[in-house]
């Protein structure tokens, strides 16, 4: 039993990075000459000017990543507003809304089918703003922190890098989301309070001032930052593992469609646990968000670096190259 657990422990992305590097290097060494990764990177760099619409890490790159975040989060969260509405009502009034299916039935009986769309406007606006900051700032902080660490440490501690960058991005994303989330919750869970965003915003401001829109930001941080940290770190490491162990060829040789399939699969892995509603909502949302985000990158021809490889300088230090 312990012999089967040991290999799995070594593949754990939170395993001690130095020893993981040694294992990775030992596996890769007999497979190809030491110069091959550099050749691939050189070919990718040579074609970058011809293929990409902007430079990696440029203002245009960050702006278009933000657009991808707007579309990925805004569209997907708006698409599941009926499920979100029923979920919120189940949490507020479990005696009335006993289950998902019962919640849908009660809502339709009371408000009609249109009642399932309550809160769609603040959802679309709020999660579009959240996506702008979540994905846009993630790219900013990932590059910023990576440059601060240096090439070797950025590879060595890449999981920690993903965790720190996503936490930093989500901090600002939740500030952008908080006002619309507050309005959405009141529209969906307080009968008679307001039916539209235009009704809810002035009423909230008149009752509590600007504090009404931000008093929920701390709970948002507590809920969203840990989730986003795991979402981004697991996605990055899953993509890396899929190309390393599952996909039979390097990413540079995969078509755009094949790369997007890997993105969707990586987005879904690791989130299939929890209550039934969370399985449907979070699992599908996460996979679709990564799929849409990567599709935007492909459409705008943005630089999409391949999965990280051990720097040559580290290989020499570890004695993995001659």
Protein backbone atom coordinates (compact mmCIF):
# COMPACT_ATOMS: atom_id res chain seq x y z
CA UNK A 1 0.00 0.00 0.00
CA UNK A 2 2.76 2.42 0.97
CA UNK A 3 4.61 1.75 -2.28
CA UNK A 4 1.57 2.98 -4.23
CA UNK A 5 1.15 6.08 -2.05
CA UNK A 6 4.75 7.23 -2.41
CA UNK A 7 4.56 8.08 -6.16
CA UNK A 8 1.32 9.99 -5.59
CA UNK A 9 2.93 12.00 -2.80
CA UNK A 10 5.80 12.97 -5.08
CA UNK A 11 3.32 14.25 -7.69
CA UNK A 12 1.56 16.43 -5.10
CA UNK A 13 1.96 20.09 -6.23
CA UNK A 14 2.59 21.10 -2.59
CA UNK A 15 5.43 18.60 -2.24
CA UNK A 16 8.81 20.13 -1.26
CA UNK A 17 9.85 21.97 -4.43
CA UNK A 18 13.56 21.14 -4.35
CA UNK A 19 12.97 17.41 -4.28
CA UNK A 20 10.20 17.71 -6.84
CA UNK A 21 12.63 19.44 -9.17
CA UNK A 22 15.14 16.64 -8.74
CA UNK A 23 12.46 14.06 -9.54
CA UNK A 24 11.27 16.05 -12.57
CA UNK A 25 14.79 16.44 -13.81
CA UNK A 26 15.61 12.77 -13.42
CA UNK A 27 12.49 11.81 -15.36
CA UNK A 28 13.17 14.23 -18.16
CA UNK A 29 16.88 13.62 -18.58
CA UNK A 30 16.82 10.35 -20.54
CA UNK A 31 13.89 11.45 -22.68
CA UNK A 32 15.64 14.15 -24.69
CA UNK A 33 18.91 16.04 -25.02
CA UNK A 34 19.48 18.89 -22.57
CA UNK A 35 19.36 21.44 -25.37
CA UNK A 36 15.90 20.44 -26.60
CA UNK A 37 13.81 22.63 -24.23
CA UNK A 38 15.91 25.63 -25.13
CA UNK A 39 15.38 24.88 -28.81
CA UNK A 40 11.61 24.76 -28.32
CA UNK A 41 11.63 28.02 -26.40
CA UNK A 42 13.78 29.56 -29.10
CA UNK A 43 11.35 28.49 -31.81
CA UNK A 44 8.44 29.88 -29.81
CA UNK A 45 10.26 33.17 -29.28
CA UNK A 46 11.17 33.40 -32.94
CA UNK A 47 7.55 33.06 -34.01
CA UNK A 48 6.19 35.33 -31.27
CA UNK A 49 6.48 38.54 -33.27
CA UNK A 50 4.65 36.96 -36.20
CA UNK A 51 1.92 35.20 -34.23
CA UNK A 52 1.07 37.41 -31.24
CA UNK A 53 -0.84 40.68 -31.27
CA UNK A 54 1.07 42.20 -28.33
CA UNK A 55 4.03 41.67 -26.05
CA UNK A 56 3.68 39.45 -23.00
CA UNK A 57 3.27 41.69 -19.95
CA UNK A 58 2.41 44.83 -21.92
CA UNK A 59 -0.48 47.14 -21.05
CA UNK A 60 -2.41 45.82 -24.06
CA UNK A 61 -1.85 42.27 -22.84
CA UNK A 62 -3.21 43.09 -19.38
CA UNK A 63 -6.17 45.00 -20.84
CA UNK A 64 -7.20 42.14 -23.11
CA UNK A 65 -6.78 39.65 -20.26
CA UNK A 66 -9.18 41.87 -18.34
CA UNK A 67 -11.65 41.66 -21.24
CA UNK A 68 -11.36 37.89 -21.08
CA UNK A 69 -12.12 38.03 -17.37
CA UNK A 70 -15.19 40.23 -17.96
CA UNK A 71 -16.62 37.76 -20.47
CA UNK A 72 -15.71 34.61 -18.56
CA UNK A 73 -17.14 35.69 -15.19
CA UNK A 74 -19.94 37.99 -16.35
CA UNK A 75 -21.48 35.55 -18.82
CA UNK A 76 -21.14 32.39 -16.76
CA UNK A 77 -22.52 33.83 -13.51
CA UNK A 78 -25.41 35.48 -15.34
CA UNK A 79 -26.18 32.16 -17.00
CA UNK A 80 -26.72 30.45 -13.64
CA UNK A 81 -28.77 33.25 -11.98
CA UNK A 82 -31.82 30.95 -11.54
CA UNK A 83 -29.74 28.37 -9.69
CA UNK A 84 -28.02 31.06 -7.64
CA UNK A 85 -31.37 32.62 -6.74
CA UNK A 86 -32.77 29.32 -5.47
CA UNK A 87 -29.54 28.55 -3.59
CA UNK A 88 -29.62 31.94 -1.82
CA UNK A 89 -33.28 31.52 -0.89
CA UNK A 90 -32.61 28.03 0.48
CA UNK A 91 -29.93 29.52 2.74
CA UNK A 92 -32.17 32.38 3.95
CA UNK A 93 -35.45 30.45 4.32
CA UNK A 94 -34.79 26.68 4.42
CA UNK A 95 -38.30 25.96 5.73
CA UNK A 96 -39.91 27.40 2.60
CA UNK A 97 -37.31 26.35 0.05
CA UNK A 98 -36.59 22.77 1.09
CA UNK A 99 -34.51 21.65 -1.90
CA UNK A 100 -33.32 22.84 -5.29
CA UNK A 101 -36.27 21.39 -7.17
CA UNK A 102 -38.75 22.54 -4.54
CA UNK A 103 -37.14 25.99 -4.63
CA UNK A 104 -37.60 26.24 -8.39
CA UNK A 105 -41.22 25.10 -8.06
CA UNK A 106 -42.06 27.61 -5.31
CA UNK A 107 -40.37 30.47 -7.15
CA UNK A 108 -42.20 29.76 -10.42
CA UNK A 109 -45.54 29.41 -8.64
CA UNK A 110 -45.11 32.75 -6.87
CA UNK A 111 -43.28 34.88 -9.47
CA UNK A 112 -43.60 33.00 -12.74
CA UNK A 113 -40.71 31.95 -14.92
CA UNK A 114 -39.47 35.56 -15.09
CA UNK A 115 -38.99 35.46 -11.34
CA UNK A 116 -36.04 33.11 -11.83
CA UNK A 117 -34.15 35.96 -13.50
CA UNK A 118 -34.32 38.28 -10.49
CA UNK A 119 -30.94 39.82 -9.84
CA UNK A 120 -29.51 39.23 -13.31
CA UNK A 121 -28.39 42.87 -13.78
CA UNK A 122 -26.27 43.21 -10.61
CA UNK A 123 -24.95 39.71 -11.24
CA UNK A 124 -23.78 40.57 -14.75
CA UNK A 125 -22.28 43.94 -13.79
CA UNK A 126 -20.77 42.77 -10.51
CA UNK A 127 -19.17 39.59 -11.78
CA UNK A 128 -17.94 41.31 -14.94
CA UNK A 129 -16.07 43.76 -12.71
CA UNK A 130 -14.86 40.91 -10.55
CA UNK A 131 -13.63 39.01 -13.62
CA UNK A 132 -11.83 42.09 -14.91
CA UNK A 133 -9.85 42.33 -11.68
CA UNK A 134 -9.56 38.60 -10.96
CA UNK A 135 -8.02 37.56 -14.27
CA UNK A 136 -6.43 40.87 -15.26
CA UNK A 137 -4.68 41.43 -11.93
CA UNK A 138 -3.73 37.77 -11.68
CA UNK A 139 -1.61 38.17 -14.80
CA UNK A 140 -0.16 41.40 -13.39
CA UNK A 141 0.77 39.90 -10.02
CA UNK A 142 2.01 36.62 -11.49
CA UNK A 143 4.51 38.47 -13.67
CA UNK A 144 5.34 41.00 -10.93
CA UNK A 145 6.00 38.40 -8.23
CA UNK A 146 7.80 36.14 -10.71
CA UNK A 147 10.20 38.94 -11.62
CA UNK A 148 10.76 39.69 -7.93
CA UNK A 149 11.64 36.04 -7.25
CA UNK A 150 13.84 35.56 -10.29
CA UNK A 151 13.66 32.77 -12.85
CA UNK A 152 14.93 29.95 -10.64
CA UNK A 153 12.86 30.74 -7.54
CA UNK A 154 9.78 31.48 -9.66
CA UNK A 155 9.99 27.94 -11.01
CA UNK A 156 11.00 26.41 -7.69
CA UNK A 157 8.10 28.03 -5.80
CA UNK A 158 5.63 28.29 -8.67
CA UNK A 159 2.69 26.91 -6.65
CA UNK A 160 3.26 29.56 -3.98
CA UNK A 161 3.57 32.13 -6.76
CA UNK A 162 0.16 31.14 -8.14
CA UNK A 163 -1.37 31.27 -4.66
CA UNK A 164 0.04 34.71 -3.88
CA UNK A 165 -0.87 36.20 -7.27
CA UNK A 166 -4.45 34.90 -7.16
CA UNK A 167 -4.97 36.05 -3.56
CA UNK A 168 -3.75 39.54 -4.43
CA UNK A 169 -6.00 39.70 -7.48
CA UNK A 170 -9.07 38.47 -5.63
CA UNK A 171 -8.58 41.09 -2.90
CA UNK A 172 -9.28 43.83 -5.45
CA UNK A 173 -11.83 41.76 -7.37
CA UNK A 174 -14.07 41.46 -4.31
CA UNK A 175 -13.96 45.22 -3.71
CA UNK A 176 -15.25 45.64 -7.27
CA UNK A 177 -17.91 42.95 -6.77
CA UNK A 178 -19.21 43.97 -3.32
CA UNK A 179 -21.70 46.76 -4.28
CA UNK A 180 -23.49 44.67 -6.91
CA UNK A 181 -23.42 41.54 -4.74
CA UNK A 182 -25.11 43.46 -1.92
CA UNK A 183 -27.84 44.68 -4.27
CA UNK A 184 -28.29 41.22 -5.79
CA UNK A 185 -28.76 39.53 -2.43
CA UNK A 186 -31.43 42.03 -1.37
CA UNK A 187 -33.30 41.70 -4.66
CA UNK A 188 -33.27 37.90 -4.50
CA UNK A 189 -33.87 37.25 -0.81
CA UNK A 190 -35.96 40.15 0.53
CA UNK A 191 -39.48 39.97 -0.97
CA UNK A 192 -40.88 43.39 -1.77
CA UNK A 193 -37.59 45.24 -1.24
CA UNK A 194 -36.82 45.85 -4.91
CA UNK A 195 -37.37 44.09 -8.22
CA UNK A 196 -34.63 45.79 -10.24
CA UNK A 197 -31.17 47.23 -9.76
CA UNK A 198 -32.47 50.74 -10.44
CA UNK A 199 -34.85 50.38 -7.51
CA UNK A 200 -32.36 48.74 -5.15
CA UNK A 201 -29.37 51.08 -5.43
CA UNK A 202 -31.01 54.40 -4.40
CA UNK A 203 -32.99 52.66 -1.65
CA UNK A 204 -29.87 51.08 -0.17
CA UNK A 205 -27.96 54.37 -0.30
CA UNK A 206 -30.83 56.26 1.34
CA UNK A 207 -31.04 53.73 4.19
CA UNK A 208 -27.37 53.14 5.02
CA UNK A 209 -25.23 55.35 2.82
CA UNK A 210 -22.14 54.08 1.04
CA UNK A 211 -21.57 51.49 3.81
CA UNK A 212 -24.52 49.50 2.47
CA UNK A 213 -22.48 48.51 -0.58
CA UNK A 214 -19.27 47.47 1.21
CA UNK A 215 -20.27 45.96 4.55
CA UNK A 216 -20.21 42.54 2.91
CA UNK A 217 -16.69 42.84 1.50
CA UNK A 218 -15.00 41.11 4.46
CA UNK A 219 -17.18 37.98 4.18
CA UNK A 220 -16.49 38.04 0.45
CA UNK A 221 -12.75 38.05 1.12
CA UNK A 222 -13.09 35.15 3.56
CA UNK A 223 -15.11 33.13 1.05
CA UNK A 224 -13.58 34.08 -2.28
CA UNK A 225 -9.86 34.49 -1.60
CA UNK A 226 -9.22 30.88 -0.42
CA UNK A 227 -11.43 29.55 -3.23
CA UNK A 228 -9.64 31.63 -5.87
CA UNK A 229 -6.22 30.65 -4.55
CA UNK A 230 -7.04 26.97 -4.95
CA UNK A 231 -8.84 27.56 -8.25
CA UNK A 232 -5.85 29.20 -9.91
CA UNK A 233 -3.11 27.11 -8.32
CA UNK A 234 -4.90 23.83 -9.08
CA UNK A 235 -5.61 24.95 -12.63
CA UNK A 236 -2.01 25.93 -13.33
CA UNK A 237 -0.58 22.73 -11.89
CA UNK A 238 -3.26 20.56 -13.53
CA UNK A 239 -2.49 22.05 -16.95
CA UNK A 240 1.19 21.35 -16.31
CA UNK A 241 0.44 17.76 -15.28
CA UNK A 242 -1.89 17.10 -18.23
CA UNK A 243 0.70 18.18 -20.78
CA UNK A 244 3.39 16.22 -18.94
CA UNK A 245 1.58 12.94 -18.27
CA UNK A 246 -1.60 12.79 -20.39
CA UNK A 247 -1.30 14.77 -23.64
CA UNK A 248 0.92 12.74 -25.98
CA UNK A 249 2.71 15.75 -27.48
CA UNK A 250 4.08 19.15 -26.38
CA UNK A 251 1.64 22.07 -26.23
CA UNK A 252 3.50 23.81 -29.05
CA UNK A 253 2.44 20.93 -31.34
CA UNK A 254 -1.21 20.93 -30.22
CA UNK A 255 -3.88 22.73 -32.22
CA UNK A 256 -5.75 25.65 -30.65
CA UNK A 257 -8.81 23.40 -30.26
CA UNK A 258 -6.79 20.72 -28.46
CA UNK A 259 -5.31 23.33 -26.14
CA UNK A 260 -8.79 24.63 -25.27
CA UNK A 261 -9.96 21.09 -24.46
CA UNK A 262 -7.04 20.75 -22.03
CA UNK A 263 -8.01 24.11 -20.51
CA UNK A 264 -11.63 22.99 -19.98
CA UNK A 265 -10.61 19.65 -18.45
CA UNK A 266 -8.07 21.32 -16.15
CA UNK A 267 -10.70 23.81 -15.05
CA UNK A 268 -13.09 21.04 -14.04
CA UNK A 269 -10.64 18.77 -12.19
CA UNK A 270 -10.49 19.34 -8.44
CA UNK A 271 -13.88 21.04 -7.95
CA UNK A 272 -16.17 17.99 -8.09
CA UNK A 273 -16.92 17.77 -4.39
CA UNK A 274 -19.63 19.31 -2.26
CA UNK A 275 -23.36 19.68 -2.29
CA UNK A 276 -25.34 18.96 -5.42
CA UNK A 277 -25.96 22.63 -6.19
CA UNK A 278 -22.29 23.49 -5.68
CA UNK A 279 -21.22 20.61 -7.92
CA UNK A 280 -23.38 21.88 -10.77
CA UNK A 281 -22.71 25.56 -10.25
CA UNK A 282 -19.05 25.78 -9.23
CA UNK A 283 -17.72 22.87 -11.29
CA UNK A 284 -19.37 24.01 -14.50
CA UNK A 285 -18.69 27.69 -13.84
CA UNK A 286 -15.00 27.12 -13.21
CA UNK A 287 -14.49 25.01 -16.32
CA UNK A 288 -16.44 27.42 -18.52
CA UNK A 289 -14.63 30.44 -17.12
CA UNK A 290 -11.23 29.02 -17.97
CA UNK A 291 -12.49 27.92 -21.38
CA UNK A 292 -13.89 31.38 -22.22
CA UNK A 293 -10.83 33.14 -20.82
CA UNK A 294 -8.42 31.02 -22.86
CA UNK A 295 -10.66 31.37 -25.94
CA UNK A 296 -10.39 35.16 -25.65
CA UNK A 297 -6.61 34.84 -25.48
CA UNK A 298 -6.66 32.70 -28.62
CA UNK A 299 -9.03 35.08 -30.44
CA UNK A 300 -6.94 38.16 -29.68
CA UNK A 301 -3.71 36.22 -30.34
CA UNK A 302 -2.31 36.94 -26.89
CA UNK A 303 0.95 35.34 -25.73
CA UNK A 304 0.21 32.11 -23.88
CA UNK A 305 3.43 30.83 -22.33
CA UNK A 306 3.84 27.04 -22.29
CA UNK A 307 3.81 25.12 -18.99
CA UNK A 308 6.88 26.02 -16.90
CA UNK A 309 10.08 24.08 -17.43
CA UNK A 310 13.09 23.86 -15.19
CA UNK A 311 15.57 26.67 -16.03
CA UNK A 312 18.88 25.53 -17.47
CA UNK A 313 20.72 27.19 -14.57
CA UNK A 314 18.84 24.98 -12.09
CA UNK A 315 19.54 21.88 -14.13
CA UNK A 316 23.25 22.66 -13.95
CA UNK A 317 23.10 23.25 -10.18
CA UNK A 318 21.30 19.94 -9.69
CA UNK A 319 23.72 18.13 -11.98
CA UNK A 320 21.04 17.19 -14.50
CA UNK A 321 22.98 18.48 -17.50
CA UNK A 322 26.48 17.74 -18.64
